[in-house]
């Protein structure tokens, strides 16, 4: 409990400093949020064009697909908001030798990197996701129960950790290669497949985004349980297991990487 309190205190210190920094550039903050809204609107326009010509997509109607899309933005937006600084490890922190500062401070290096900054424009993703869910729920017949609501609330943090775990693993590659930004990007962009029902893809793609780069576990499978009440053991249990495995592997790889880290030379 003592360590948890200290971690939370450190997080709020970093968060307050980052807010002060970002508020110095209010225009950048507003433009960032507007940019995310525009990107999501363009994707929704794409869906509208599809459903303007077909009544359903492999058995999913437009409201269900939009619900899945909106739900996918919640764990992604949470990770983006809180732990997006991991991208900097892959792009330049290790390559430029800037990781030295994390080694000289009495804080766990991974925790320090993750909470040092947060991307406030990610609120655009979260707001859009919540808005899409709230808009589509009245159009869909969902069998609600207390247990279902509790399971949904429980699975969302684990869905976010799937994103975070994948970023930790791919960012840690930089300790060996000096730069892994392209690797992070390649893995991270697979999440675009998870914004839609996985049944629209062929078997190979379904297996990849379910078992190997399991972004489908962050949105589609929880949404299947929410919308249709199917297979709660897998739809809720698998994201939790995947999150624990990915975070555990990520922490292990990170610590191995920090042991062989070499600062930039002159």
Protein backbone atom coordinates (compact mmCIF):
# COMPACT_ATOMS: atom_id res chain seq x y z
CA UNK A 1 0.00 0.00 0.00
CA UNK A 2 2.89 2.34 0.80
CA UNK A 3 4.42 1.78 -2.64
CA UNK A 4 1.03 2.33 -4.32
CA UNK A 5 0.52 5.63 -2.51
CA UNK A 6 4.01 6.77 -3.53
CA UNK A 7 3.38 5.75 -7.16
CA UNK A 8 0.09 7.66 -7.25
CA UNK A 9 1.70 10.71 -5.69
CA UNK A 10 4.49 10.62 -8.27
CA UNK A 11 1.98 10.23 -11.07
CA UNK A 12 0.01 13.29 -10.01
CA UNK A 13 3.21 15.31 -9.73
CA UNK A 14 4.19 14.41 -13.28
CA UNK A 15 0.63 14.97 -14.53
CA UNK A 16 0.37 18.43 -12.98
CA UNK A 17 3.71 19.47 -14.47
CA UNK A 18 2.68 18.19 -17.89
CA UNK A 19 -0.62 20.08 -17.70
CA UNK A 20 1.22 23.30 -16.88
CA UNK A 21 3.48 22.74 -19.88
CA UNK A 22 0.62 21.99 -22.24
CA UNK A 23 -1.47 24.95 -21.12
CA UNK A 24 1.32 27.24 -22.32
CA UNK A 25 0.36 26.16 -25.85
CA UNK A 26 -3.44 26.16 -25.75
CA UNK A 27 -3.78 26.34 -29.54
CA UNK A 28 -1.80 23.09 -29.96
CA UNK A 29 -4.04 21.42 -27.40
CA UNK A 30 -7.25 22.48 -29.18
CA UNK A 31 -5.89 21.60 -32.62
CA UNK A 32 -4.84 18.17 -31.37
CA UNK A 33 -8.32 17.33 -30.09
CA UNK A 34 -9.97 18.66 -33.27
CA UNK A 35 -7.57 16.59 -35.35
CA UNK A 36 -8.56 13.39 -33.55
CA UNK A 37 -12.25 14.20 -33.95
CA UNK A 38 -11.77 14.75 -37.69
CA UNK A 39 -9.92 11.45 -38.07
CA UNK A 40 -12.71 9.54 -36.32
CA UNK A 41 -15.41 11.35 -38.33
CA UNK A 42 -13.70 10.31 -41.57
CA UNK A 43 -13.74 6.67 -40.41
CA UNK A 44 -17.43 6.92 -39.53
CA UNK A 45 -18.12 8.41 -42.95
CA UNK A 46 -16.48 5.33 -44.45
CA UNK A 47 -18.85 3.12 -42.46
CA UNK A 48 -21.83 5.18 -43.58
CA UNK A 49 -20.84 4.74 -47.22
CA UNK A 50 -20.64 0.97 -46.74
CA UNK A 51 -24.03 0.65 -45.04
CA UNK A 52 -25.62 2.97 -47.57
CA UNK A 53 -25.23 0.09 -50.05
CA UNK A 54 -25.60 -3.04 -47.89
CA UNK A 55 -28.09 -3.77 -45.05
CA UNK A 56 -25.58 -5.51 -42.77
CA UNK A 57 -21.94 -6.55 -42.59
CA UNK A 58 -21.60 -10.30 -42.06
CA UNK A 59 -24.65 -10.26 -39.79
CA UNK A 60 -23.79 -7.00 -38.00
CA UNK A 61 -26.02 -3.98 -38.53
CA UNK A 62 -24.74 -0.43 -38.67
CA UNK A 63 -25.52 0.35 -35.02
CA UNK A 64 -23.67 -2.73 -33.79
CA UNK A 65 -20.63 -1.95 -35.94
CA UNK A 66 -20.57 1.66 -34.73
CA UNK A 67 -20.89 0.39 -31.14
CA UNK A 68 -17.84 -1.85 -31.65
CA UNK A 69 -15.99 1.06 -33.20
CA UNK A 70 -16.88 3.34 -30.29
CA UNK A 71 -15.98 0.72 -27.70
CA UNK A 72 -12.57 0.23 -29.34
CA UNK A 73 -11.74 3.90 -28.71
CA UNK A 74 -12.10 3.58 -24.92
CA UNK A 75 -9.14 1.28 -24.13
CA UNK A 76 -7.08 2.77 -26.95
CA UNK A 77 -7.79 6.32 -25.76
CA UNK A 78 -6.98 5.40 -22.14
CA UNK A 79 -3.59 4.00 -23.12
CA UNK A 80 -2.96 6.96 -25.40
CA UNK A 81 -3.80 9.40 -22.62
CA UNK A 82 -1.70 7.82 -19.88
CA UNK A 83 1.20 5.90 -21.42
CA UNK A 84 1.96 7.35 -24.83
CA UNK A 85 5.47 8.42 -23.82
CA UNK A 86 6.62 4.88 -24.63
CA UNK A 87 6.75 5.95 -28.27
CA UNK A 88 9.61 8.29 -27.39
CA UNK A 89 11.70 5.33 -26.20
CA UNK A 90 11.46 3.75 -29.62
CA UNK A 91 12.03 6.97 -31.55
CA UNK A 92 14.81 8.92 -29.85
CA UNK A 93 15.31 8.55 -26.07
CA UNK A 94 17.53 5.47 -26.30
CA UNK A 95 19.21 6.48 -29.57
CA UNK A 96 20.22 9.90 -28.23
CA UNK A 97 21.33 8.61 -24.84
CA UNK A 98 18.56 10.48 -23.05
CA UNK A 99 17.65 7.34 -21.13
CA UNK A 100 20.53 8.18 -18.79
CA UNK A 101 18.34 10.53 -16.75
CA UNK A 102 15.91 7.73 -15.88
CA UNK A 103 18.75 5.59 -14.54
CA UNK A 104 19.95 8.33 -12.22
CA UNK A 105 16.63 8.92 -10.48
CA UNK A 106 15.24 6.88 -7.56
CA UNK A 107 12.17 5.80 -9.51
CA UNK A 108 11.47 2.62 -11.45
CA UNK A 109 12.55 3.42 -15.01
CA UNK A 110 9.51 1.92 -16.72
CA UNK A 111 7.10 3.67 -14.36
CA UNK A 112 8.99 6.94 -14.85
CA UNK A 113 8.83 6.75 -18.65
CA UNK A 114 5.17 5.79 -18.68
CA UNK A 115 3.92 8.57 -16.40
CA UNK A 116 6.32 11.35 -17.33
CA UNK A 117 3.96 12.71 -19.96
CA UNK A 118 0.39 12.21 -21.04
CA UNK A 119 -1.38 13.09 -24.24
CA UNK A 120 -4.35 15.22 -23.33
CA UNK A 121 -5.59 15.22 -26.92
CA UNK A 122 -6.52 11.58 -26.31
CA UNK A 123 -9.64 12.98 -24.67
CA UNK A 124 -10.83 13.36 -28.26
CA UNK A 125 -10.78 9.57 -28.66
CA UNK A 126 -12.45 8.99 -25.30
CA UNK A 127 -15.18 11.55 -25.88
CA UNK A 128 -15.88 10.19 -29.37
CA UNK A 129 -15.96 6.61 -28.08
CA UNK A 130 -18.39 7.41 -25.27
CA UNK A 131 -20.56 9.47 -27.62
CA UNK A 132 -20.80 6.63 -30.17
CA UNK A 133 -21.67 4.09 -27.48
CA UNK A 134 -24.34 6.34 -25.97
CA UNK A 135 -25.79 7.07 -29.42
CA UNK A 136 -26.05 3.43 -30.51
CA UNK A 137 -27.22 1.78 -27.26
CA UNK A 138 -30.86 2.99 -27.65
CA UNK A 139 -30.90 1.44 -31.14
CA UNK A 140 -29.73 -1.99 -29.99
CA UNK A 141 -31.63 -4.51 -27.88
CA UNK A 142 -29.10 -5.35 -25.16
CA UNK A 143 -29.95 -7.66 -22.28
CA UNK A 144 -28.51 -5.65 -19.38
CA UNK A 145 -27.72 -7.06 -15.95
CA UNK A 146 -25.64 -5.99 -12.95
CA UNK A 147 -23.13 -8.78 -13.60
CA UNK A 148 -22.73 -7.73 -17.25
CA UNK A 149 -22.11 -4.10 -16.31
CA UNK A 150 -19.53 -5.11 -13.69
CA UNK A 151 -17.73 -7.40 -16.13
CA UNK A 152 -17.63 -4.65 -18.75
CA UNK A 153 -16.17 -2.17 -16.27
CA UNK A 154 -13.64 -4.78 -15.14
CA UNK A 155 -12.44 -5.67 -18.65
CA UNK A 156 -11.79 -2.11 -19.88
CA UNK A 157 -8.56 -1.55 -17.85
CA UNK A 158 -7.23 -4.91 -19.02
CA UNK A 159 -8.10 -4.04 -22.63
CA UNK A 160 -6.05 -0.86 -22.21
CA UNK A 161 -3.16 -2.89 -20.80
CA UNK A 162 -3.08 -4.94 -24.01
CA UNK A 163 -2.16 -1.75 -25.85
CA UNK A 164 0.34 -0.80 -23.17
CA UNK A 165 1.95 -4.24 -23.04
CA UNK A 166 2.46 -4.34 -26.79
CA UNK A 167 4.02 -0.86 -26.69
CA UNK A 168 6.38 -1.81 -23.86
CA UNK A 169 7.58 -4.92 -25.72
CA UNK A 170 8.12 -3.16 -29.03
CA UNK A 171 9.62 -0.03 -27.45
CA UNK A 172 12.09 -2.19 -25.50
CA UNK A 173 13.57 -3.45 -28.76
CA UNK A 174 15.31 -0.05 -28.93
CA UNK A 175 17.68 -1.15 -26.16
CA UNK A 176 19.17 -3.59 -28.64
CA UNK A 177 18.59 -1.79 -31.95
CA UNK A 178 18.80 1.84 -30.65
CA UNK A 179 15.58 2.67 -32.49
CA UNK A 180 12.28 0.80 -32.70
CA UNK A 181 9.74 3.45 -33.66
CA UNK A 182 8.87 1.67 -36.90
CA UNK A 183 8.37 -1.60 -35.05
CA UNK A 184 6.01 0.04 -32.54
CA UNK A 185 4.09 1.65 -35.39
CA UNK A 186 3.82 -1.60 -37.37
CA UNK A 187 2.38 -3.49 -34.41
CA UNK A 188 0.24 -0.65 -33.12
CA UNK A 189 -1.48 0.03 -36.43
CA UNK A 190 -2.84 -3.51 -36.45
CA UNK A 191 -5.41 -2.16 -33.98
CA UNK A 192 -7.28 -0.65 -36.92
CA UNK A 193 -8.49 -4.16 -37.75
CA UNK A 194 -10.04 -4.43 -34.28
CA UNK A 195 -12.41 -1.52 -34.83
CA UNK A 196 -14.70 -3.74 -36.90
CA UNK A 197 -16.21 -7.24 -36.48
CA UNK A 198 -13.41 -9.77 -36.97
CA UNK A 199 -15.83 -12.03 -38.85
CA UNK A 200 -15.38 -9.82 -41.93
CA UNK A 201 -11.73 -10.92 -42.24
CA UNK A 202 -10.24 -14.19 -43.44
CA UNK A 203 -9.05 -16.84 -41.00
CA UNK A 204 -5.41 -15.75 -41.03
CA UNK A 205 -6.21 -12.15 -40.11
CA UNK A 206 -8.66 -13.26 -37.42
CA UNK A 207 -6.03 -15.48 -35.81
CA UNK A 208 -3.37 -12.77 -35.91
CA UNK A 209 -5.50 -10.08 -34.24
CA UNK A 210 -6.94 -12.54 -31.72
CA UNK A 211 -3.96 -14.63 -30.62
CA UNK A 212 -0.71 -13.02 -31.78
CA UNK A 213 -1.30 -9.25 -31.75
CA UNK A 214 -4.55 -9.49 -29.79
CA UNK A 215 -6.19 -6.14 -30.45
CA UNK A 216 -9.47 -7.92 -31.22
CA UNK A 217 -9.60 -8.77 -27.52
CA UNK A 218 -9.73 -5.06 -26.68
CA UNK A 219 -13.03 -4.34 -28.43
CA UNK A 220 -14.67 -6.97 -30.64
CA UNK A 221 -14.90 -9.85 -28.18
CA UNK A 222 -16.03 -7.73 -25.20
CA UNK A 223 -18.58 -6.15 -27.57
CA UNK A 224 -19.83 -9.61 -28.59
CA UNK A 225 -20.57 -10.31 -24.95
CA UNK A 226 -22.21 -6.92 -24.43
CA UNK A 227 -24.35 -7.02 -27.56
CA UNK A 228 -25.21 -10.71 -27.77
CA UNK A 229 -24.27 -12.19 -24.40
CA UNK A 230 -22.15 -14.87 -26.06
CA UNK A 231 -19.28 -16.80 -24.49
CA UNK A 232 -18.44 -14.56 -21.51
CA UNK A 233 -15.65 -16.93 -20.41
CA UNK A 234 -13.64 -16.16 -23.55
CA UNK A 235 -14.94 -12.69 -24.41
CA UNK A 236 -14.10 -11.34 -20.94
CA UNK A 237 -11.54 -13.84 -19.69
CA UNK A 238 -9.26 -13.80 -22.73
CA UNK A 239 -8.61 -10.01 -22.63
CA UNK A 240 -7.69 -10.27 -18.94
CA UNK A 241 -5.27 -13.16 -19.54
CA UNK A 242 -3.77 -11.50 -22.61
CA UNK A 243 -3.21 -8.25 -20.70
CA UNK A 244 -1.45 -10.03 -17.83
CA UNK A 245 0.76 -12.02 -20.22
CA UNK A 246 1.69 -9.03 -22.38
CA UNK A 247 2.45 -6.78 -19.42
CA UNK A 248 4.52 -9.51 -17.77
CA UNK A 249 6.50 -10.13 -20.96
CA UNK A 250 6.86 -6.39 -21.50
CA UNK A 251 8.27 -5.83 -17.99
CA UNK A 252 10.68 -8.76 -18.41
CA UNK A 253 11.94 -7.54 -21.80
CA UNK A 254 12.23 -3.97 -20.48
CA UNK A 255 14.40 -5.00 -17.54
CA UNK A 256 16.62 -7.13 -19.75
CA UNK A 257 16.96 -4.19 -22.11
CA UNK A 258 17.92 -1.72 -19.40
CA UNK A 259 20.74 -4.02 -18.30
CA UNK A 260 22.41 -3.86 -21.72
CA UNK A 261 21.63 -0.18 -22.38
CA UNK A 262 24.60 1.84 -23.57
CA UNK A 263 24.56 5.63 -23.49
CA UNK A 264 25.19 7.58 -26.69
CA UNK A 265 28.85 8.16 -27.52
CA UNK A 266 30.49 11.45 -28.39
